[in-house]
Amino acid sequence: MTTLKSKLHDDLIDAIRARDELRSSTLRLTLSAITNEEVSGKTARELSDEEVQKVIAREAKKRREAAEAFAQGGRAEQAERERAEGVLLNAYLPQQLSDDELQQIVGQAVEEAKAAGAEGPRAMGAVMKIVNPKVAGRAEGGRVAATVKRLLAG
């Protein structure tokens, strides 16, 4: 079984051979970010596939934010490139939860938290503790928090 990091490396080699500049530069930057994460801290270590996914998700989020900034700054061409890089990185991440699926998971967690005695907006932390392990890597934190707030309020 190949690891996610080795798949990225193999795809980089294929992109270089195909002279796909966008793909090869995006994968190079992502592999560089993974390597930086591996050597940060006191000792170097090999990242697990889950940790590599977190790095890829962080890089994809950077691309989305950069695309928005470039679009607001009137640099449509650069914004489009950032969006394309984000789409390319999203292919390496697990399928994101739909709004309905996320709402169902959060709804169950709210019921669990209420059964445990948590009430109102102060229950946010308790609900997030229940929800986060269930949606790890499949939904962005801000999206989850917004759904939790909406269900606790309503």
N, C-alpha and C. Protein backbone atom coordinates (compact mmCIF):
# COMPACT_ATOMS: atom_id res chain seq x y z
N MET A 1 0.85 -1.19 0.00
CA MET A 1 0.00 0.00 0.00
C MET A 1 0.89 1.25 0.00
N THR A 2 0.59 2.15 -0.88
CA THR A 2 1.39 3.37 -0.97
C THR A 2 0.83 4.42 -0.02
N THR A 3 1.71 5.24 0.47
CA THR A 3 1.28 6.32 1.34
C THR A 3 0.87 7.51 0.48
N LEU A 4 0.18 8.44 1.11
CA LEU A 4 -0.28 9.63 0.40
C LEU A 4 0.91 10.46 -0.08
N LYS A 5 1.95 10.54 0.76
CA LYS A 5 3.14 11.31 0.38
C LYS A 5 3.81 10.70 -0.85
N SER A 6 3.92 9.39 -0.89
CA SER A 6 4.55 8.76 -2.07
C SER A 6 3.68 8.92 -3.31
N LYS A 7 2.35 8.93 -3.13
CA LYS A 7 1.45 9.18 -4.26
C LYS A 7 1.66 10.59 -4.81
N LEU A 8 1.80 11.57 -3.90
CA LEU A 8 2.08 12.94 -4.33
C LEU A 8 3.39 12.99 -5.12
N HIS A 9 4.40 12.30 -4.61
CA HIS A 9 5.71 12.30 -5.28
C HIS A 9 5.60 11.65 -6.66
N ASP A 10 4.91 10.52 -6.76
CA ASP A 10 4.73 9.86 -8.06
C ASP A 10 3.97 10.75 -9.04
N ASP A 11 2.94 11.43 -8.54
CA ASP A 11 2.17 12.33 -9.39
C ASP A 11 3.01 13.52 -9.84
N LEU A 12 3.93 13.98 -8.97
CA LEU A 12 4.84 15.06 -9.35
C LEU A 12 5.73 14.62 -10.50
N ILE A 13 6.27 13.42 -10.41
CA ILE A 13 7.13 12.91 -11.48
C ILE A 13 6.35 12.82 -12.79
N ASP A 14 5.11 12.33 -12.71
CA ASP A 14 4.27 12.24 -13.91
C ASP A 14 3.98 13.63 -14.49
N ALA A 15 3.73 14.60 -13.61
CA ALA A 15 3.44 15.97 -14.07
C ALA A 15 4.67 16.59 -14.74
N ILE A 16 5.85 16.32 -14.19
CA ILE A 16 7.08 16.85 -14.79
C ILE A 16 7.29 16.24 -16.16
N ARG A 17 7.08 14.94 -16.26
CA ARG A 17 7.23 14.27 -17.57
C ARG A 17 6.24 14.79 -18.59
N ALA A 18 5.03 15.10 -18.12
CA ALA A 18 3.99 15.61 -19.02
C ALA A 18 4.13 17.11 -19.27
N ARG A 19 5.12 17.73 -18.62
CA ARG A 19 5.36 19.17 -18.73
C ARG A 19 4.13 20.00 -18.32
N ASP A 20 3.44 19.51 -17.29
CA ASP A 20 2.28 20.19 -16.73
C ASP A 20 2.78 21.14 -15.64
N GLU A 21 2.99 22.40 -16.00
CA GLU A 21 3.62 23.36 -15.09
C GLU A 21 2.78 23.64 -13.85
N LEU A 22 1.48 23.82 -14.01
CA LEU A 22 0.60 24.11 -12.88
C LEU A 22 0.62 22.95 -11.87
N ARG A 23 0.43 21.77 -12.36
CA ARG A 23 0.40 20.58 -11.50
C ARG A 23 1.74 20.35 -10.82
N SER A 24 2.82 20.45 -11.57
CA SER A 24 4.14 20.18 -10.99
C SER A 24 4.52 21.23 -9.95
N SER A 25 4.22 22.50 -10.21
CA SER A 25 4.58 23.53 -9.22
C SER A 25 3.72 23.40 -7.96
N THR A 26 2.45 23.07 -8.13
CA THR A 26 1.57 22.89 -6.98
C THR A 26 2.02 21.72 -6.12
N LEU A 27 2.35 20.60 -6.77
CA LEU A 27 2.79 19.42 -6.01
C LEU A 27 4.15 19.66 -5.35
N ARG A 28 5.02 20.40 -6.02
CA ARG A 28 6.32 20.73 -5.41
C ARG A 28 6.12 21.53 -4.13
N LEU A 29 5.29 22.56 -4.20
CA LEU A 29 5.03 23.39 -3.02
C LEU A 29 4.40 22.57 -1.89
N THR A 30 3.49 21.68 -2.25
CA THR A 30 2.83 20.85 -1.23
C THR A 30 3.82 19.88 -0.59
N LEU A 31 4.64 19.24 -1.40
CA LEU A 31 5.65 18.33 -0.84
C LEU A 31 6.65 19.09 0.02
N SER A 32 6.95 20.31 -0.36
CA SER A 32 7.84 21.15 0.43
C SER A 32 7.21 21.46 1.79
N ALA A 33 5.92 21.77 1.79
CA ALA A 33 5.21 22.04 3.05
C ALA A 33 5.18 20.80 3.94
N ILE A 34 5.03 19.64 3.33
CA ILE A 34 5.04 18.37 4.09
C ILE A 34 6.41 18.15 4.70
N THR A 35 7.47 18.37 3.92
CA THR A 35 8.82 18.21 4.43
C THR A 35 9.11 19.18 5.56
N ASN A 36 8.66 20.42 5.41
CA ASN A 36 8.84 21.42 6.47
C ASN A 36 8.16 20.97 7.75
N GLU A 37 6.99 20.39 7.62
CA GLU A 37 6.26 19.89 8.79
C GLU A 37 7.00 18.72 9.43
N GLU A 38 7.60 17.88 8.60
CA GLU A 38 8.33 16.72 9.11
C GLU A 38 9.57 17.12 9.90
N VAL A 39 10.24 18.18 9.49
CA VAL A 39 11.49 18.56 10.15
C VAL A 39 11.29 19.64 11.22
N SER A 40 10.07 20.14 11.35
CA SER A 40 9.82 21.13 12.41
C SER A 40 9.79 20.42 13.75
N GLY A 41 10.10 21.14 14.79
CA GLY A 41 10.12 20.53 16.11
C GLY A 41 11.53 20.07 16.46
N LYS A 42 11.63 19.33 17.53
CA LYS A 42 12.95 18.93 18.03
C LYS A 42 13.56 17.79 17.23
N THR A 43 12.74 16.87 16.76
CA THR A 43 13.27 15.74 15.99
C THR A 43 12.50 15.58 14.69
N ALA A 44 13.21 15.15 13.66
CA ALA A 44 12.56 14.90 12.38
C ALA A 44 11.75 13.61 12.49
N ARG A 45 10.63 13.57 11.79
CA ARG A 45 9.77 12.38 11.84
C ARG A 45 9.03 12.23 10.53
N GLU A 46 8.52 11.06 10.31
CA GLU A 46 7.71 10.77 9.12
C GLU A 46 6.25 11.05 9.46
N LEU A 47 5.56 11.82 8.62
CA LEU A 47 4.16 12.13 8.88
C LEU A 47 3.27 10.96 8.48
N SER A 48 2.20 10.75 9.23
CA SER A 48 1.21 9.74 8.86
C SER A 48 0.35 10.30 7.72
N ASP A 49 -0.41 9.43 7.09
CA ASP A 49 -1.30 9.89 6.01
C ASP A 49 -2.29 10.93 6.53
N GLU A 50 -2.77 10.76 7.75
CA GLU A 50 -3.71 11.72 8.34
C GLU A 50 -3.06 13.08 8.50
N GLU A 51 -1.81 13.10 8.95
CA GLU A 51 -1.10 14.37 9.12
C GLU A 51 -0.80 15.01 7.77
N VAL A 52 -0.49 14.18 6.76
CA VAL A 52 -0.25 14.70 5.41
C VAL A 52 -1.54 15.33 4.87
N GLN A 53 -2.68 14.70 5.15
CA GLN A 53 -3.96 15.27 4.71
C GLN A 53 -4.20 16.62 5.35
N LYS A 54 -3.82 16.78 6.62
CA LYS A 54 -3.99 18.07 7.28
C LYS A 54 -3.13 19.14 6.61
N VAL A 55 -1.91 18.76 6.22
CA VAL A 55 -1.03 19.72 5.53
C VAL A 55 -1.64 20.09 4.18
N ILE A 56 -2.14 19.10 3.45
CA ILE A 56 -2.76 19.37 2.14
C ILE A 56 -3.99 20.26 2.32
N ALA A 57 -4.79 19.99 3.34
CA ALA A 57 -5.98 20.81 3.60
C ALA A 57 -5.58 22.25 3.91
N ARG A 58 -4.52 22.41 4.68
CA ARG A 58 -4.03 23.75 5.02
C ARG A 58 -3.56 24.48 3.75
N GLU A 59 -2.85 23.76 2.89
CA GLU A 59 -2.38 24.36 1.63
C GLU A 59 -3.56 24.73 0.73
N ALA A 60 -4.58 23.87 0.66
CA ALA A 60 -5.76 24.16 -0.16
C ALA A 60 -6.49 25.39 0.37
N LYS A 61 -6.56 25.51 1.69
CA LYS A 61 -7.21 26.67 2.30
C LYS A 61 -6.44 27.94 1.97
N LYS A 62 -5.11 27.86 1.99
CA LYS A 62 -4.29 29.02 1.62
C LYS A 62 -4.61 29.45 0.19
N ARG A 63 -4.78 28.48 -0.70
CA ARG A 63 -5.08 28.79 -2.10
C ARG A 63 -6.43 29.48 -2.23
N ARG A 64 -7.44 28.98 -1.50
CA ARG A 64 -8.76 29.62 -1.55
C ARG A 64 -8.69 31.06 -1.06
N GLU A 65 -8.00 31.28 0.06
CA GLU A 65 -7.90 32.63 0.61
C GLU A 65 -7.13 33.55 -0.33
N ALA A 66 -6.07 33.03 -0.93
CA ALA A 66 -5.28 33.84 -1.87
C ALA A 66 -6.13 34.19 -3.10
N ALA A 67 -6.93 33.23 -3.57
CA ALA A 67 -7.78 33.49 -4.74
C ALA A 67 -8.77 34.61 -4.44
N GLU A 68 -9.35 34.59 -3.23
CA GLU A 68 -10.28 35.65 -2.86
C GLU A 68 -9.56 37.00 -2.81
N ALA A 69 -8.37 37.02 -2.23
CA ALA A 69 -7.61 38.27 -2.12
C ALA A 69 -7.25 38.81 -3.50
N PHE A 70 -6.79 37.93 -4.39
CA PHE A 70 -6.45 38.38 -5.75
C PHE A 70 -7.68 38.87 -6.49
N ALA A 71 -8.81 38.19 -6.32
CA ALA A 71 -10.04 38.60 -6.99
C ALA A 71 -10.48 39.98 -6.50
N GLN A 72 -10.38 40.23 -5.20
CA GLN A 72 -10.75 41.53 -4.65
C GLN A 72 -9.78 42.61 -5.10
N GLY A 73 -8.53 42.21 -5.35
CA GLY A 73 -7.52 43.16 -5.78
C GLY A 73 -7.53 43.40 -7.28
N GLY A 74 -8.44 42.75 -7.99
CA GLY A 74 -8.56 42.97 -9.43
C GLY A 74 -7.55 42.18 -10.26
N ARG A 75 -6.98 41.12 -9.69
CA ARG A 75 -6.01 40.31 -10.44
C ARG A 75 -6.64 38.95 -10.75
N ALA A 76 -7.57 38.97 -11.71
CA ALA A 76 -8.38 37.80 -12.03
C ALA A 76 -7.53 36.62 -12.50
N GLU A 77 -6.48 36.89 -13.28
CA GLU A 77 -5.64 35.80 -13.81
C GLU A 77 -4.95 35.05 -12.67
N GLN A 78 -4.38 35.78 -11.72
CA GLN A 78 -3.71 35.14 -10.58
C GLN A 78 -4.73 34.43 -9.69
N ALA A 79 -5.92 35.02 -9.52
CA ALA A 79 -6.98 34.39 -8.72
C ALA A 79 -7.38 33.06 -9.34
N GLU A 80 -7.48 33.03 -10.66
CA GLU A 80 -7.87 31.79 -11.35
C GLU A 80 -6.82 30.70 -11.17
N ARG A 81 -5.54 31.08 -11.20
CA ARG A 81 -4.46 30.10 -10.98
C ARG A 81 -4.54 29.52 -9.56
N GLU A 82 -4.79 30.39 -8.57
CA GLU A 82 -4.90 29.92 -7.18
C GLU A 82 -6.08 28.97 -7.03
N ARG A 83 -7.19 29.29 -7.69
CA ARG A 83 -8.36 28.40 -7.64
C ARG A 83 -8.03 27.05 -8.26
N ALA A 84 -7.33 27.07 -9.39
CA ALA A 84 -6.96 25.82 -10.06
C ALA A 84 -6.06 24.97 -9.17
N GLU A 85 -5.12 25.62 -8.47
CA GLU A 85 -4.24 24.89 -7.56
C GLU A 85 -5.05 24.29 -6.41
N GLY A 86 -6.03 25.04 -5.90
CA GLY A 86 -6.88 24.54 -4.83
C GLY A 86 -7.68 23.32 -5.26
N VAL A 87 -8.22 23.35 -6.47
CA VAL A 87 -8.98 22.22 -7.00
C VAL A 87 -8.07 21.00 -7.13
N LEU A 88 -6.86 21.23 -7.60
CA LEU A 88 -5.89 20.14 -7.75
C LEU A 88 -5.60 19.50 -6.40
N LEU A 89 -5.41 20.31 -5.36
CA LEU A 89 -5.12 19.78 -4.02
C LEU A 89 -6.32 19.07 -3.41
N ASN A 90 -7.52 19.57 -3.69
CA ASN A 90 -8.73 18.95 -3.14
C ASN A 90 -8.90 17.51 -3.62
N ALA A 91 -8.31 17.18 -4.76
CA ALA A 91 -8.41 15.81 -5.27
C ALA A 91 -7.70 14.81 -4.34
N TYR A 92 -6.77 15.29 -3.52
CA TYR A 92 -6.03 14.42 -2.61
C TYR A 92 -6.68 14.34 -1.23
N LEU A 93 -7.75 15.07 -1.03
CA LEU A 93 -8.43 15.09 0.26
C LEU A 93 -9.67 14.21 0.21
N PRO A 94 -10.13 13.72 1.38
CA PRO A 94 -11.37 12.93 1.38
C PRO A 94 -12.55 13.78 0.93
N GLN A 95 -13.58 13.10 0.45
CA GLN A 95 -14.79 13.79 -0.01
C GLN A 95 -15.38 14.61 1.13
N GLN A 96 -15.65 15.89 0.87
CA GLN A 96 -16.22 16.77 1.88
C GLN A 96 -17.68 16.42 2.13
N LEU A 97 -18.13 16.62 3.36
CA LEU A 97 -19.52 16.37 3.72
C LEU A 97 -20.42 17.41 3.08
N SER A 98 -21.60 16.97 2.66
CA SER A 98 -22.57 17.93 2.14
C SER A 98 -23.17 18.67 3.33
N ASP A 99 -23.89 19.76 3.05
CA ASP A 99 -24.52 20.53 4.13
C ASP A 99 -25.51 19.68 4.91
N ASP A 100 -26.27 18.84 4.19
CA ASP A 100 -27.26 17.99 4.85
C ASP A 100 -26.59 16.96 5.77
N GLU A 101 -25.52 16.33 5.28
CA GLU A 101 -24.81 15.34 6.10
C GLU A 101 -24.22 16.00 7.34
N LEU A 102 -23.62 17.17 7.16
CA LEU A 102 -23.03 17.89 8.29
C LEU A 102 -24.10 18.27 9.30
N GLN A 103 -25.23 18.75 8.81
CA GLN A 103 -26.31 19.15 9.71
C GLN A 103 -26.84 17.95 10.49
N GLN A 104 -26.91 16.79 9.85
CA GLN A 104 -27.38 15.59 10.53
C GLN A 104 -26.41 15.17 11.65
N ILE A 105 -25.11 15.19 11.37
CA ILE A 105 -24.10 14.82 12.37
C ILE A 105 -24.13 15.81 13.54
N VAL A 106 -24.20 17.09 13.22
CA VAL A 106 -24.24 18.12 14.27
C VAL A 106 -25.53 18.00 15.08
N GLY A 107 -26.64 17.71 14.43
CA GLY A 107 -27.92 17.55 15.12
C GLY A 107 -27.86 16.43 16.14
N GLN A 108 -27.24 15.31 15.77
CA GLN A 108 -27.09 14.19 16.71
C GLN A 108 -26.21 14.60 17.88
N ALA A 109 -25.14 15.34 17.59
CA ALA A 109 -24.22 15.78 18.65
C ALA A 109 -24.91 16.75 19.61
N VAL A 110 -25.76 17.62 19.08
CA VAL A 110 -26.50 18.56 19.93
C VAL A 110 -27.42 17.78 20.86
N GLU A 111 -28.09 16.75 20.33
CA GLU A 111 -28.97 15.93 21.17
C GLU A 111 -28.17 15.23 22.27
N GLU A 112 -26.99 14.70 21.91
CA GLU A 112 -26.12 14.04 22.91
C GLU A 112 -25.71 15.02 23.99
N ALA A 113 -25.33 16.23 23.59
CA ALA A 113 -24.88 17.24 24.54
C ALA A 113 -26.03 17.66 25.46
N LYS A 114 -27.23 17.80 24.90
CA LYS A 114 -28.39 18.17 25.71
C LYS A 114 -28.74 17.06 26.70
N ALA A 115 -28.59 15.81 26.26
CA ALA A 115 -28.84 14.67 27.15
C ALA A 115 -27.85 14.66 28.31
N ALA A 116 -26.63 15.18 28.05
CA ALA A 116 -25.60 15.25 29.09
C ALA A 116 -25.75 16.50 29.96
N GLY A 117 -26.75 17.33 29.66
CA GLY A 117 -27.01 18.49 30.50
C GLY A 117 -26.53 19.82 29.96
N ALA A 118 -25.95 19.85 28.77
CA ALA A 118 -25.47 21.11 28.19
C ALA A 118 -26.64 21.84 27.55
N GLU A 119 -26.76 23.13 27.82
CA GLU A 119 -27.88 23.93 27.30
C GLU A 119 -27.39 25.22 26.66
N GLY A 120 -28.11 25.70 25.65
CA GLY A 120 -27.87 27.00 25.04
C GLY A 120 -26.50 27.16 24.40
N PRO A 121 -26.11 28.41 24.18
CA PRO A 121 -24.84 28.70 23.49
C PRO A 121 -23.61 28.20 24.25
N ARG A 122 -23.74 28.03 25.57
CA ARG A 122 -22.60 27.53 26.34
C ARG A 122 -22.30 26.07 26.03
N ALA A 123 -23.20 25.39 25.36
CA ALA A 123 -23.01 23.99 24.99
C ALA A 123 -22.10 23.84 23.77
N MET A 124 -21.70 24.95 23.18
CA MET A 124 -20.89 24.92 21.95
C MET A 124 -19.66 24.03 22.11
N GLY A 125 -18.91 24.22 23.17
CA GLY A 125 -17.69 23.43 23.39
C GLY A 125 -17.97 21.95 23.50
N ALA A 126 -19.02 21.60 24.24
CA ALA A 126 -19.38 20.19 24.40
C ALA A 126 -19.78 19.57 23.06
N VAL A 127 -20.54 20.30 22.28
CA VAL A 127 -20.98 19.79 20.97
C VAL A 127 -19.78 19.65 20.04
N MET A 128 -18.90 20.64 20.02
CA MET A 128 -17.72 20.58 19.15
C MET A 128 -16.84 19.37 19.50
N LYS A 129 -16.72 19.05 20.80
CA LYS A 129 -15.93 17.88 21.20
C LYS A 129 -16.52 16.59 20.64
N ILE A 130 -17.83 16.54 20.53
CA ILE A 130 -18.49 15.35 19.99
C ILE A 130 -18.37 15.32 18.47
N VAL A 131 -18.53 16.48 17.83
CA VAL A 131 -18.58 16.55 16.36
C VAL A 131 -17.20 16.40 15.71
N ASN A 132 -16.18 17.08 16.25
CA ASN A 132 -14.88 17.12 15.57
C ASN A 132 -14.30 15.76 15.20
N PRO A 133 -14.30 14.76 16.07
CA PRO A 133 -13.75 13.46 15.64
C PRO A 133 -14.54 12.82 14.50
N LYS A 134 -15.85 13.09 14.47
CA LYS A 134 -16.69 12.48 13.44
C LYS A 134 -16.49 13.10 12.05
N VAL A 135 -16.13 14.38 12.02
CA VAL A 135 -16.02 15.08 10.74
C VAL A 135 -14.59 15.43 10.37
N ALA A 136 -13.62 14.94 11.13
CA ALA A 136 -12.21 15.29 10.91
C ALA A 136 -11.80 15.08 9.46
N GLY A 137 -11.32 16.14 8.83
CA GLY A 137 -10.84 16.06 7.46
C GLY A 137 -11.93 16.12 6.41
N ARG A 138 -13.19 16.03 6.82
CA ARG A 138 -14.27 16.02 5.84
C ARG A 138 -15.12 17.28 5.87
N ALA A 139 -14.81 18.20 6.80
CA ALA A 139 -15.51 19.48 6.86
C ALA A 139 -14.59 20.49 7.53
N GLU A 140 -14.60 21.70 7.01
CA GLU A 140 -13.77 22.76 7.55
C GLU A 140 -14.31 23.24 8.89
N GLY A 141 -13.42 23.58 9.80
CA GLY A 141 -13.80 23.97 11.15
C GLY A 141 -14.80 25.11 11.23
N GLY A 142 -14.61 26.13 10.40
CA GLY A 142 -15.51 27.27 10.40
C GLY A 142 -16.92 26.88 9.98
N ARG A 143 -17.01 25.99 9.03
CA ARG A 143 -18.30 25.52 8.55
C ARG A 143 -19.01 24.72 9.65
N VAL A 144 -18.23 23.89 10.36
CA VAL A 144 -18.79 23.08 11.44
C VAL A 144 -19.29 24.00 12.56
N ALA A 145 -18.45 24.97 12.96
CA ALA A 145 -18.82 25.87 14.03
C ALA A 145 -20.08 26.67 13.69
N ALA A 146 -20.20 27.12 12.44
CA ALA A 146 -21.39 27.87 12.04
C ALA A 146 -22.64 27.00 12.13
N THR A 147 -22.54 25.74 11.74
CA THR A 147 -23.67 24.83 11.81
C THR A 147 -24.06 24.57 13.26
N VAL A 148 -23.07 24.37 14.12
CA VAL A 148 -23.34 24.15 15.55
C VAL A 148 -24.04 25.36 16.15
N LYS A 149 -23.54 26.56 15.88
CA LYS A 149 -24.17 27.79 16.40
C LYS A 149 -25.62 27.91 15.93
N ARG A 150 -25.83 27.62 14.65
CA ARG A 150 -27.18 27.75 14.09
C ARG A 150 -28.14 26.76 14.77
N LEU A 151 -27.71 25.53 14.98
CA LEU A 151 -28.60 24.54 15.60
C LEU A 151 -28.79 24.80 17.10
N LEU A 152 -27.78 25.31 17.77
CA LEU A 152 -27.94 25.63 19.19
C LEU A 152 -28.87 26.83 19.40
N ALA A 153 -28.82 27.77 18.46
CA ALA A 153 -29.65 28.97 18.58
C ALA A 153 -31.10 28.68 18.19
N GLY A 154 -31.27 27.76 17.26
CA GLY A 154 -32.60 27.61 16.71
C GLY A 154 -33.35 26.42 17.13
